Amino acid sequence: MEAFEWKDTEDSEVDLAEDITVALKEFDVLATSAELLQVGRHPVVRNRDILGSHVTHTPSFSQQNGRLYVFEHINLSSMHINKAKERAGWMAYMFDDIRSAHKEAQTYSLVRPEKEDGVEQIEYAKTMLRGESTVINWSDENERQGFLQERKQVAA
């Protein structure tokens, strides 16, 4: 991987996942505290298998309260734009496959936006994600807080 210089891309994905995890913990909606596991609570869980129409997927985060909510993250600020394009394609496929099996499912792409607009591969990635999910700009305080508030309401 280092020969292709993809290690930095993977590190940035881990950093974004950690940022999301910390925020969910701060809002007390991540399934790590005992009180969230009480009957009647619907916490966000990490890496839960979800059966799609064709395969079983393991999205980074999901939540269920009658309706299934699926969240995956992507760092579009990566210097490795082809890797971002590939990840966006995988995410779009996963979202589509899950929604085919769970008609009421809502899907979200938690995005750290790119540094520059207009790069063909990044524009392609953003278009795919918008077509298959609600895109949340994790760097935008208002979007992030709105998403976290929604998670808290669904968990209650």
N, C-alpha and C. Protein backbone atom coordinates (compact mmCIF):
# COMPACT_ATOMS: atom_id res chain seq x y z
N MET A 1 0.81 -1.19 0.00
CA MET A 1 0.00 0.00 0.00
C MET A 1 0.86 1.26 0.00
N GLU A 2 1.93 1.24 0.73
CA GLU A 2 2.78 2.42 0.77
C GLU A 2 3.35 2.72 -0.60
N ALA A 3 3.56 1.69 -1.41
CA ALA A 3 4.08 1.90 -2.76
C ALA A 3 3.08 2.73 -3.57
N PHE A 4 1.78 2.57 -3.30
CA PHE A 4 0.76 3.34 -3.99
C PHE A 4 0.37 4.60 -3.23
N GLU A 5 0.99 4.83 -2.08
CA GLU A 5 0.73 5.98 -1.24
C GLU A 5 -0.72 6.05 -0.80
N TRP A 6 -1.34 4.91 -0.51
CA TRP A 6 -2.72 4.87 -0.06
C TRP A 6 -2.83 4.87 1.46
N LYS A 7 -1.72 4.70 2.14
CA LYS A 7 -1.75 4.65 3.60
C LYS A 7 -2.35 5.93 4.17
N ASP A 8 -2.00 7.10 3.65
CA ASP A 8 -2.54 8.36 4.14
C ASP A 8 -4.06 8.40 3.98
N THR A 9 -4.57 7.87 2.88
CA THR A 9 -6.01 7.85 2.64
C THR A 9 -6.69 7.03 3.71
N GLU A 10 -6.15 5.87 4.01
CA GLU A 10 -6.76 5.02 5.02
C GLU A 10 -6.68 5.66 6.39
N ASP A 11 -5.58 6.33 6.70
CA ASP A 11 -5.45 7.03 7.97
C ASP A 11 -6.51 8.12 8.09
N SER A 12 -6.77 8.85 7.00
CA SER A 12 -7.76 9.92 7.05
C SER A 12 -9.16 9.35 7.24
N GLU A 13 -9.44 8.17 6.68
CA GLU A 13 -10.74 7.52 6.90
C GLU A 13 -10.90 7.11 8.35
N VAL A 14 -9.83 6.58 8.95
CA VAL A 14 -9.86 6.20 10.36
C VAL A 14 -10.09 7.43 11.22
N ASP A 15 -9.41 8.54 10.91
CA ASP A 15 -9.59 9.78 11.66
C ASP A 15 -11.03 10.26 11.59
N LEU A 16 -11.65 10.22 10.42
CA LEU A 16 -13.03 10.65 10.27
C LEU A 16 -13.96 9.72 11.05
N ALA A 17 -13.74 8.42 10.97
CA ALA A 17 -14.56 7.48 11.73
C ALA A 17 -14.44 7.74 13.23
N GLU A 18 -13.24 8.06 13.68
CA GLU A 18 -13.04 8.36 15.10
C GLU A 18 -13.76 9.64 15.49
N ASP A 19 -13.71 10.66 14.64
CA ASP A 19 -14.43 11.91 14.91
C ASP A 19 -15.93 11.66 15.05
N ILE A 20 -16.48 10.83 14.18
CA ILE A 20 -17.90 10.51 14.21
C ILE A 20 -18.22 9.74 15.49
N THR A 21 -17.38 8.77 15.84
CA THR A 21 -17.59 7.97 17.04
C THR A 21 -17.60 8.87 18.28
N VAL A 22 -16.65 9.77 18.38
CA VAL A 22 -16.57 10.67 19.53
C VAL A 22 -17.83 11.53 19.61
N ALA A 23 -18.29 12.07 18.49
CA ALA A 23 -19.49 12.91 18.49
C ALA A 23 -20.72 12.12 18.92
N LEU A 24 -20.86 10.89 18.44
CA LEU A 24 -22.00 10.06 18.82
C LEU A 24 -21.96 9.73 20.31
N LYS A 25 -20.76 9.49 20.85
CA LYS A 25 -20.62 9.25 22.28
C LYS A 25 -21.00 10.49 23.08
N GLU A 26 -20.55 11.65 22.63
CA GLU A 26 -20.87 12.90 23.33
C GLU A 26 -22.37 13.16 23.36
N PHE A 27 -23.08 12.77 22.31
CA PHE A 27 -24.53 12.92 22.27
C PHE A 27 -25.24 11.76 22.96
N ASP A 28 -24.47 10.83 23.50
CA ASP A 28 -24.99 9.70 24.26
C ASP A 28 -25.97 8.85 23.44
N VAL A 29 -25.62 8.62 22.17
CA VAL A 29 -26.46 7.79 21.32
C VAL A 29 -25.74 6.56 20.77
N LEU A 30 -24.47 6.42 21.06
CA LEU A 30 -23.71 5.26 20.59
C LEU A 30 -23.92 4.11 21.58
N ALA A 31 -24.10 2.92 21.09
CA ALA A 31 -24.40 1.75 21.92
C ALA A 31 -23.18 1.28 22.68
N THR A 32 -22.66 2.15 23.56
CA THR A 32 -21.55 1.74 24.41
C THR A 32 -21.91 1.88 25.88
N SER A 33 -22.86 2.73 26.20
CA SER A 33 -23.23 2.88 27.60
C SER A 33 -24.41 1.96 27.91
N ALA A 34 -24.41 1.42 29.12
CA ALA A 34 -25.42 0.44 29.52
C ALA A 34 -26.83 0.99 29.41
N GLU A 35 -27.03 2.28 29.70
CA GLU A 35 -28.37 2.84 29.66
C GLU A 35 -28.96 2.85 28.26
N LEU A 36 -28.13 2.90 27.23
CA LEU A 36 -28.64 2.88 25.86
C LEU A 36 -29.17 1.51 25.47
N LEU A 37 -28.73 0.50 26.18
CA LEU A 37 -29.16 -0.86 25.84
C LEU A 37 -30.47 -1.23 26.53
N GLN A 38 -31.07 -0.30 27.26
CA GLN A 38 -32.34 -0.54 27.91
C GLN A 38 -33.44 -0.74 26.88
N VAL A 39 -34.47 -1.44 27.30
CA VAL A 39 -35.62 -1.65 26.42
C VAL A 39 -36.21 -0.29 26.06
N GLY A 40 -36.57 -0.14 24.82
CA GLY A 40 -37.16 1.11 24.36
C GLY A 40 -36.16 2.10 23.82
N ARG A 41 -34.87 1.84 23.95
CA ARG A 41 -33.85 2.72 23.40
C ARG A 41 -33.38 2.15 22.06
N HIS A 42 -33.00 3.03 21.17
CA HIS A 42 -32.58 2.62 19.82
C HIS A 42 -31.27 3.32 19.48
N PRO A 43 -30.17 2.82 20.04
CA PRO A 43 -28.88 3.49 19.85
C PRO A 43 -28.29 3.25 18.46
N VAL A 44 -27.30 4.05 18.15
CA VAL A 44 -26.48 3.84 16.96
C VAL A 44 -25.49 2.73 17.31
N VAL A 45 -25.33 1.78 16.41
CA VAL A 45 -24.38 0.68 16.64
C VAL A 45 -23.31 0.71 15.55
N ARG A 46 -22.16 0.20 15.91
CA ARG A 46 -21.04 0.14 14.96
C ARG A 46 -20.95 -1.23 14.33
N ASN A 47 -20.67 -1.26 13.05
CA ASN A 47 -20.30 -2.48 12.32
C ASN A 47 -21.28 -3.63 12.51
N ARG A 48 -22.57 -3.35 12.44
CA ARG A 48 -23.60 -4.40 12.52
C ARG A 48 -23.87 -4.91 11.11
N ASP A 49 -23.90 -6.22 10.93
CA ASP A 49 -24.21 -6.80 9.63
C ASP A 49 -25.65 -6.49 9.25
N ILE A 50 -25.84 -6.10 7.99
CA ILE A 50 -27.17 -5.81 7.46
C ILE A 50 -27.31 -6.54 6.14
N LEU A 51 -28.35 -7.33 6.04
CA LEU A 51 -28.59 -8.12 4.85
C LEU A 51 -29.17 -7.23 3.75
N GLY A 52 -28.50 -7.20 2.61
CA GLY A 52 -28.99 -6.50 1.43
C GLY A 52 -29.72 -7.49 0.54
N SER A 53 -30.09 -7.06 -0.65
CA SER A 53 -30.75 -7.96 -1.59
C SER A 53 -29.79 -9.02 -2.12
N HIS A 54 -28.50 -8.67 -2.23
CA HIS A 54 -27.53 -9.59 -2.82
C HIS A 54 -26.50 -10.12 -1.84
N VAL A 55 -26.05 -9.28 -0.93
CA VAL A 55 -25.00 -9.67 0.01
C VAL A 55 -25.27 -9.04 1.38
N THR A 56 -24.53 -9.50 2.37
CA THR A 56 -24.57 -8.90 3.70
C THR A 56 -23.50 -7.82 3.77
N HIS A 57 -23.89 -6.64 4.22
CA HIS A 57 -22.99 -5.50 4.33
C HIS A 57 -22.72 -5.22 5.80
N THR A 58 -21.60 -4.56 6.06
CA THR A 58 -21.25 -4.14 7.42
C THR A 58 -20.91 -2.66 7.38
N PRO A 59 -21.95 -1.80 7.38
CA PRO A 59 -21.68 -0.37 7.38
C PRO A 59 -21.05 0.06 8.70
N SER A 60 -20.37 1.18 8.68
CA SER A 60 -19.69 1.67 9.88
C SER A 60 -20.67 1.92 11.02
N PHE A 61 -21.84 2.47 10.71
CA PHE A 61 -22.82 2.79 11.74
C PHE A 61 -24.22 2.50 11.22
N SER A 62 -25.11 2.10 12.13
CA SER A 62 -26.52 1.94 11.77
C SER A 62 -27.37 2.16 13.02
N GLN A 63 -28.65 2.37 12.78
CA GLN A 63 -29.60 2.62 13.87
C GLN A 63 -30.95 2.11 13.40
N GLN A 64 -31.73 1.55 14.32
CA GLN A 64 -33.03 1.06 13.91
C GLN A 64 -34.07 1.41 14.97
N ASN A 65 -35.14 2.02 14.51
CA ASN A 65 -36.28 2.35 15.35
C ASN A 65 -37.50 2.26 14.45
N GLY A 66 -37.89 1.04 14.13
CA GLY A 66 -38.92 0.83 13.13
C GLY A 66 -38.33 0.93 11.73
N ARG A 67 -37.67 2.00 11.43
CA ARG A 67 -36.98 2.24 10.17
C ARG A 67 -35.49 2.01 10.38
N LEU A 68 -34.83 1.52 9.36
CA LEU A 68 -33.39 1.30 9.38
C LEU A 68 -32.68 2.54 8.86
N TYR A 69 -31.66 2.99 9.60
CA TYR A 69 -30.82 4.11 9.21
C TYR A 69 -29.40 3.58 9.07
N VAL A 70 -28.76 3.88 7.95
CA VAL A 70 -27.41 3.39 7.68
C VAL A 70 -26.51 4.58 7.38
N PHE A 71 -25.33 4.61 8.05
CA PHE A 71 -24.39 5.71 7.90
C PHE A 71 -23.03 5.17 7.52
N GLU A 72 -22.44 5.76 6.51
CA GLU A 72 -21.07 5.43 6.12
C GLU A 72 -20.32 6.73 5.91
N HIS A 73 -19.02 6.70 6.11
CA HIS A 73 -18.21 7.91 6.02
C HIS A 73 -17.23 7.83 4.85
N ILE A 74 -16.86 9.02 4.37
CA ILE A 74 -15.87 9.10 3.30
C ILE A 74 -15.16 10.45 3.40
N ASN A 75 -13.87 10.41 3.26
CA ASN A 75 -13.06 11.62 3.31
C ASN A 75 -12.71 12.01 1.87
N LEU A 76 -13.38 13.04 1.38
CA LEU A 76 -13.13 13.50 0.01
C LEU A 76 -11.98 14.50 -0.06
N SER A 77 -11.38 14.80 1.09
CA SER A 77 -10.24 15.72 1.08
C SER A 77 -8.93 14.98 0.84
N SER A 78 -9.04 13.71 0.57
CA SER A 78 -7.87 12.87 0.33
C SER A 78 -7.08 13.36 -0.88
N MET A 79 -5.79 13.17 -0.80
CA MET A 79 -4.95 13.48 -1.95
C MET A 79 -5.08 12.39 -3.02
N HIS A 80 -5.69 11.29 -2.69
CA HIS A 80 -5.80 10.14 -3.60
C HIS A 80 -7.22 10.06 -4.12
N ILE A 81 -7.52 10.86 -5.13
CA ILE A 81 -8.88 11.02 -5.59
C ILE A 81 -9.45 9.75 -6.21
N ASN A 82 -8.63 8.92 -6.81
CA ASN A 82 -9.16 7.67 -7.38
C ASN A 82 -9.65 6.75 -6.28
N LYS A 83 -8.97 6.74 -5.15
CA LYS A 83 -9.40 5.92 -4.01
C LYS A 83 -10.74 6.43 -3.48
N ALA A 84 -10.92 7.75 -3.42
CA ALA A 84 -12.18 8.33 -2.97
C ALA A 84 -13.31 7.95 -3.94
N LYS A 85 -13.02 7.97 -5.23
CA LYS A 85 -14.01 7.59 -6.23
C LYS A 85 -14.42 6.13 -6.06
N GLU A 86 -13.47 5.25 -5.83
CA GLU A 86 -13.76 3.83 -5.62
C GLU A 86 -14.60 3.62 -4.36
N ARG A 87 -14.24 4.30 -3.28
CA ARG A 87 -15.00 4.16 -2.03
C ARG A 87 -16.43 4.67 -2.20
N ALA A 88 -16.60 5.80 -2.88
CA ALA A 88 -17.94 6.33 -3.13
C ALA A 88 -18.78 5.35 -3.93
N GLY A 89 -18.16 4.69 -4.93
CA GLY A 89 -18.88 3.69 -5.71
C GLY A 89 -19.31 2.51 -4.86
N TRP A 90 -18.43 2.05 -3.98
CA TRP A 90 -18.78 0.96 -3.07
C TRP A 90 -19.92 1.38 -2.15
N MET A 91 -19.84 2.61 -1.60
CA MET A 91 -20.88 3.10 -0.71
C MET A 91 -22.23 3.17 -1.43
N ALA A 92 -22.24 3.70 -2.65
CA ALA A 92 -23.48 3.81 -3.42
C ALA A 92 -24.08 2.44 -3.67
N TYR A 93 -23.24 1.46 -4.01
CA TYR A 93 -23.75 0.10 -4.21
C TYR A 93 -24.34 -0.45 -2.92
N MET A 94 -23.63 -0.30 -1.80
CA MET A 94 -24.11 -0.81 -0.52
C MET A 94 -25.46 -0.18 -0.17
N PHE A 95 -25.57 1.15 -0.30
CA PHE A 95 -26.82 1.82 0.03
C PHE A 95 -27.96 1.30 -0.84
N ASP A 96 -27.72 1.16 -2.13
CA ASP A 96 -28.75 0.68 -3.05
C ASP A 96 -29.17 -0.74 -2.70
N ASP A 97 -28.21 -1.60 -2.41
CA ASP A 97 -28.51 -2.99 -2.09
C ASP A 97 -29.30 -3.10 -0.78
N ILE A 98 -28.93 -2.31 0.20
CA ILE A 98 -29.65 -2.33 1.48
C ILE A 98 -31.06 -1.79 1.29
N ARG A 99 -31.21 -0.71 0.55
CA ARG A 99 -32.55 -0.15 0.33
C ARG A 99 -33.42 -1.09 -0.49
N SER A 100 -32.83 -1.91 -1.33
CA SER A 100 -33.61 -2.90 -2.09
C SER A 100 -34.21 -3.94 -1.15
N ALA A 101 -33.51 -4.26 -0.09
CA ALA A 101 -33.99 -5.27 0.88
C ALA A 101 -34.83 -4.64 1.99
N HIS A 102 -34.59 -3.38 2.30
CA HIS A 102 -35.29 -2.67 3.37
C HIS A 102 -35.87 -1.40 2.76
N LYS A 103 -37.08 -1.48 2.28
CA LYS A 103 -37.68 -0.39 1.48
C LYS A 103 -37.73 0.95 2.21
N GLU A 104 -37.85 0.94 3.52
CA GLU A 104 -37.96 2.18 4.29
C GLU A 104 -36.61 2.70 4.79
N ALA A 105 -35.52 2.02 4.44
CA ALA A 105 -34.20 2.41 4.95
C ALA A 105 -33.81 3.80 4.48
N GLN A 106 -33.15 4.53 5.38
CA GLN A 106 -32.58 5.83 5.04
C GLN A 106 -31.07 5.70 5.13
N THR A 107 -30.40 6.23 4.13
CA THR A 107 -28.94 6.11 4.07
C THR A 107 -28.30 7.50 4.10
N TYR A 108 -27.15 7.57 4.75
CA TYR A 108 -26.44 8.82 4.92
C TYR A 108 -24.96 8.63 4.60
N SER A 109 -24.42 9.57 3.86
CA SER A 109 -22.98 9.65 3.62
C SER A 109 -22.45 10.78 4.49
N LEU A 110 -21.59 10.44 5.43
CA LEU A 110 -20.96 11.44 6.30
C LEU A 110 -19.64 11.80 5.65
N VAL A 111 -19.56 13.01 5.13
CA VAL A 111 -18.49 13.41 4.22
C VAL A 111 -17.62 14.50 4.84
N ARG A 112 -16.32 14.28 4.77
CA ARG A 112 -15.38 15.37 5.00
C ARG A 112 -15.08 15.88 3.60
N PRO A 113 -15.48 17.11 3.30
CA PRO A 113 -15.44 17.56 1.91
C PRO A 113 -14.03 17.77 1.38
N GLU A 114 -13.98 17.82 0.08
CA GLU A 114 -12.72 17.98 -0.63
C GLU A 114 -12.18 19.39 -0.46
N LYS A 115 -10.92 19.54 -0.70
CA LYS A 115 -10.27 20.85 -0.62
C LYS A 115 -10.55 21.67 -1.87
N GLU A 116 -10.70 21.00 -2.99
CA GLU A 116 -10.92 21.69 -4.26
C GLU A 116 -12.12 21.10 -4.96
N ASP A 117 -13.01 21.94 -5.44
CA ASP A 117 -14.12 21.48 -6.26
C ASP A 117 -13.65 21.35 -7.70
N GLY A 118 -14.41 20.63 -8.48
CA GLY A 118 -14.13 20.58 -9.90
C GLY A 118 -13.27 19.43 -10.36
N VAL A 119 -12.63 18.70 -9.45
CA VAL A 119 -11.85 17.55 -9.86
C VAL A 119 -12.84 16.48 -10.33
N GLU A 120 -12.63 15.97 -11.52
CA GLU A 120 -13.60 15.07 -12.14
C GLU A 120 -13.96 13.88 -11.26
N GLN A 121 -12.98 13.22 -10.67
CA GLN A 121 -13.25 12.04 -9.85
C GLN A 121 -14.05 12.39 -8.59
N ILE A 122 -13.76 13.55 -7.99
CA ILE A 122 -14.48 13.98 -6.80
C ILE A 122 -15.92 14.36 -7.15
N GLU A 123 -16.11 15.03 -8.25
CA GLU A 123 -17.47 15.38 -8.69
C GLU A 123 -18.27 14.10 -8.97
N TYR A 124 -17.63 13.12 -9.59
CA TYR A 124 -18.27 11.83 -9.85
C TYR A 124 -18.67 11.18 -8.54
N ALA A 125 -17.78 11.17 -7.56
CA ALA A 125 -18.05 10.56 -6.25
C ALA A 125 -19.22 11.26 -5.57
N LYS A 126 -19.23 12.60 -5.58
CA LYS A 126 -20.31 13.34 -4.94
C LYS A 126 -21.65 13.07 -5.62
N THR A 127 -21.66 12.96 -6.92
CA THR A 127 -22.89 12.69 -7.66
C THR A 127 -23.43 11.31 -7.30
N MET A 128 -22.56 10.31 -7.23
CA MET A 128 -23.00 8.96 -6.84
C MET A 128 -23.61 8.97 -5.45
N LEU A 129 -22.93 9.62 -4.51
CA LEU A 129 -23.40 9.64 -3.13
C LEU A 129 -24.73 10.37 -3.00
N ARG A 130 -24.89 11.49 -3.67
CA ARG A 130 -26.15 12.23 -3.62
C ARG A 130 -27.31 11.41 -4.19
N GLY A 131 -27.00 10.57 -5.18
CA GLY A 131 -28.05 9.76 -5.79
C GLY A 131 -28.53 8.63 -4.90
N GLU A 132 -27.71 8.21 -3.95
CA GLU A 132 -28.04 7.04 -3.13
C GLU A 132 -28.18 7.34 -1.64
N SER A 133 -27.93 8.59 -1.23
CA SER A 133 -27.96 8.88 0.21
C SER A 133 -28.14 10.37 0.44
N THR A 134 -28.42 10.69 1.69
CA THR A 134 -28.39 12.08 2.13
C THR A 134 -26.96 12.36 2.52
N VAL A 135 -26.36 13.39 1.95
CA VAL A 135 -24.96 13.71 2.21
C VAL A 135 -24.90 14.75 3.33
N ILE A 136 -24.15 14.40 4.38
CA ILE A 136 -23.94 15.29 5.52
C ILE A 136 -22.48 15.75 5.50
N ASN A 137 -22.28 17.06 5.39
CA ASN A 137 -20.94 17.63 5.44
C ASN A 137 -20.50 17.66 6.90
N TRP A 138 -19.65 16.73 7.29
CA TRP A 138 -19.24 16.60 8.68
C TRP A 138 -18.46 17.81 9.16
N SER A 139 -17.88 18.57 8.26
CA SER A 139 -17.13 19.77 8.63
C SER A 139 -18.03 20.98 8.86
N ASP A 140 -19.28 20.90 8.44
CA ASP A 140 -20.24 21.99 8.63
C ASP A 140 -20.94 21.80 9.97
N GLU A 141 -20.72 22.71 10.89
CA GLU A 141 -21.26 22.60 12.25
C GLU A 141 -22.77 22.42 12.26
N ASN A 142 -23.50 23.16 11.44
CA ASN A 142 -24.96 23.08 11.42
C ASN A 142 -25.43 21.72 10.90
N GLU A 143 -24.83 21.23 9.84
CA GLU A 143 -25.22 19.93 9.30
C GLU A 143 -24.91 18.82 10.29
N ARG A 144 -23.73 18.88 10.89
CA ARG A 144 -23.32 17.86 11.86
C ARG A 144 -24.26 17.86 13.05
N GLN A 145 -24.56 19.04 13.61
CA GLN A 145 -25.43 19.13 14.78
C GLN A 145 -26.86 18.66 14.45
N GLY A 146 -27.35 19.00 13.27
CA GLY A 146 -28.67 18.54 12.85
C GLY A 146 -28.73 17.02 12.75
N PHE A 147 -27.70 16.43 12.18
CA PHE A 147 -27.62 14.98 12.07
C PHE A 147 -27.58 14.34 13.46
N LEU A 148 -26.77 14.88 14.36
CA LEU A 148 -26.66 14.32 15.71
C LEU A 148 -27.96 14.47 16.49
N GLN A 149 -28.63 15.59 16.34
CA GLN A 149 -29.93 15.78 17.00
C GLN A 149 -30.95 14.75 16.50
N GLU A 150 -30.94 14.50 15.20
CA GLU A 150 -31.84 13.50 14.63
C GLU A 150 -31.54 12.12 15.21
N ARG A 151 -30.26 11.79 15.36
CA ARG A 151 -29.90 10.50 15.94
C ARG A 151 -30.42 10.38 17.37
N LYS A 152 -30.35 11.47 18.13
CA LYS A 152 -30.83 11.49 19.50
C LYS A 152 -32.34 11.27 19.55
N GLN A 153 -33.07 11.91 18.63
CA GLN A 153 -34.53 11.72 18.58
C GLN A 153 -34.90 10.30 18.22
N VAL A 154 -34.19 9.71 17.27
CA VAL A 154 -34.47 8.33 16.87
C VAL A 154 -34.13 7.37 18.01
N ALA A 155 -33.10 7.66 18.77
CA ALA A 155 -32.68 6.79 19.87
C ALA A 155 -33.67 6.80 21.03
N ALA A 156 -34.40 7.90 21.20
CA ALA A 156 -35.31 8.04 22.35
C ALA A 156 -36.52 7.14 22.24
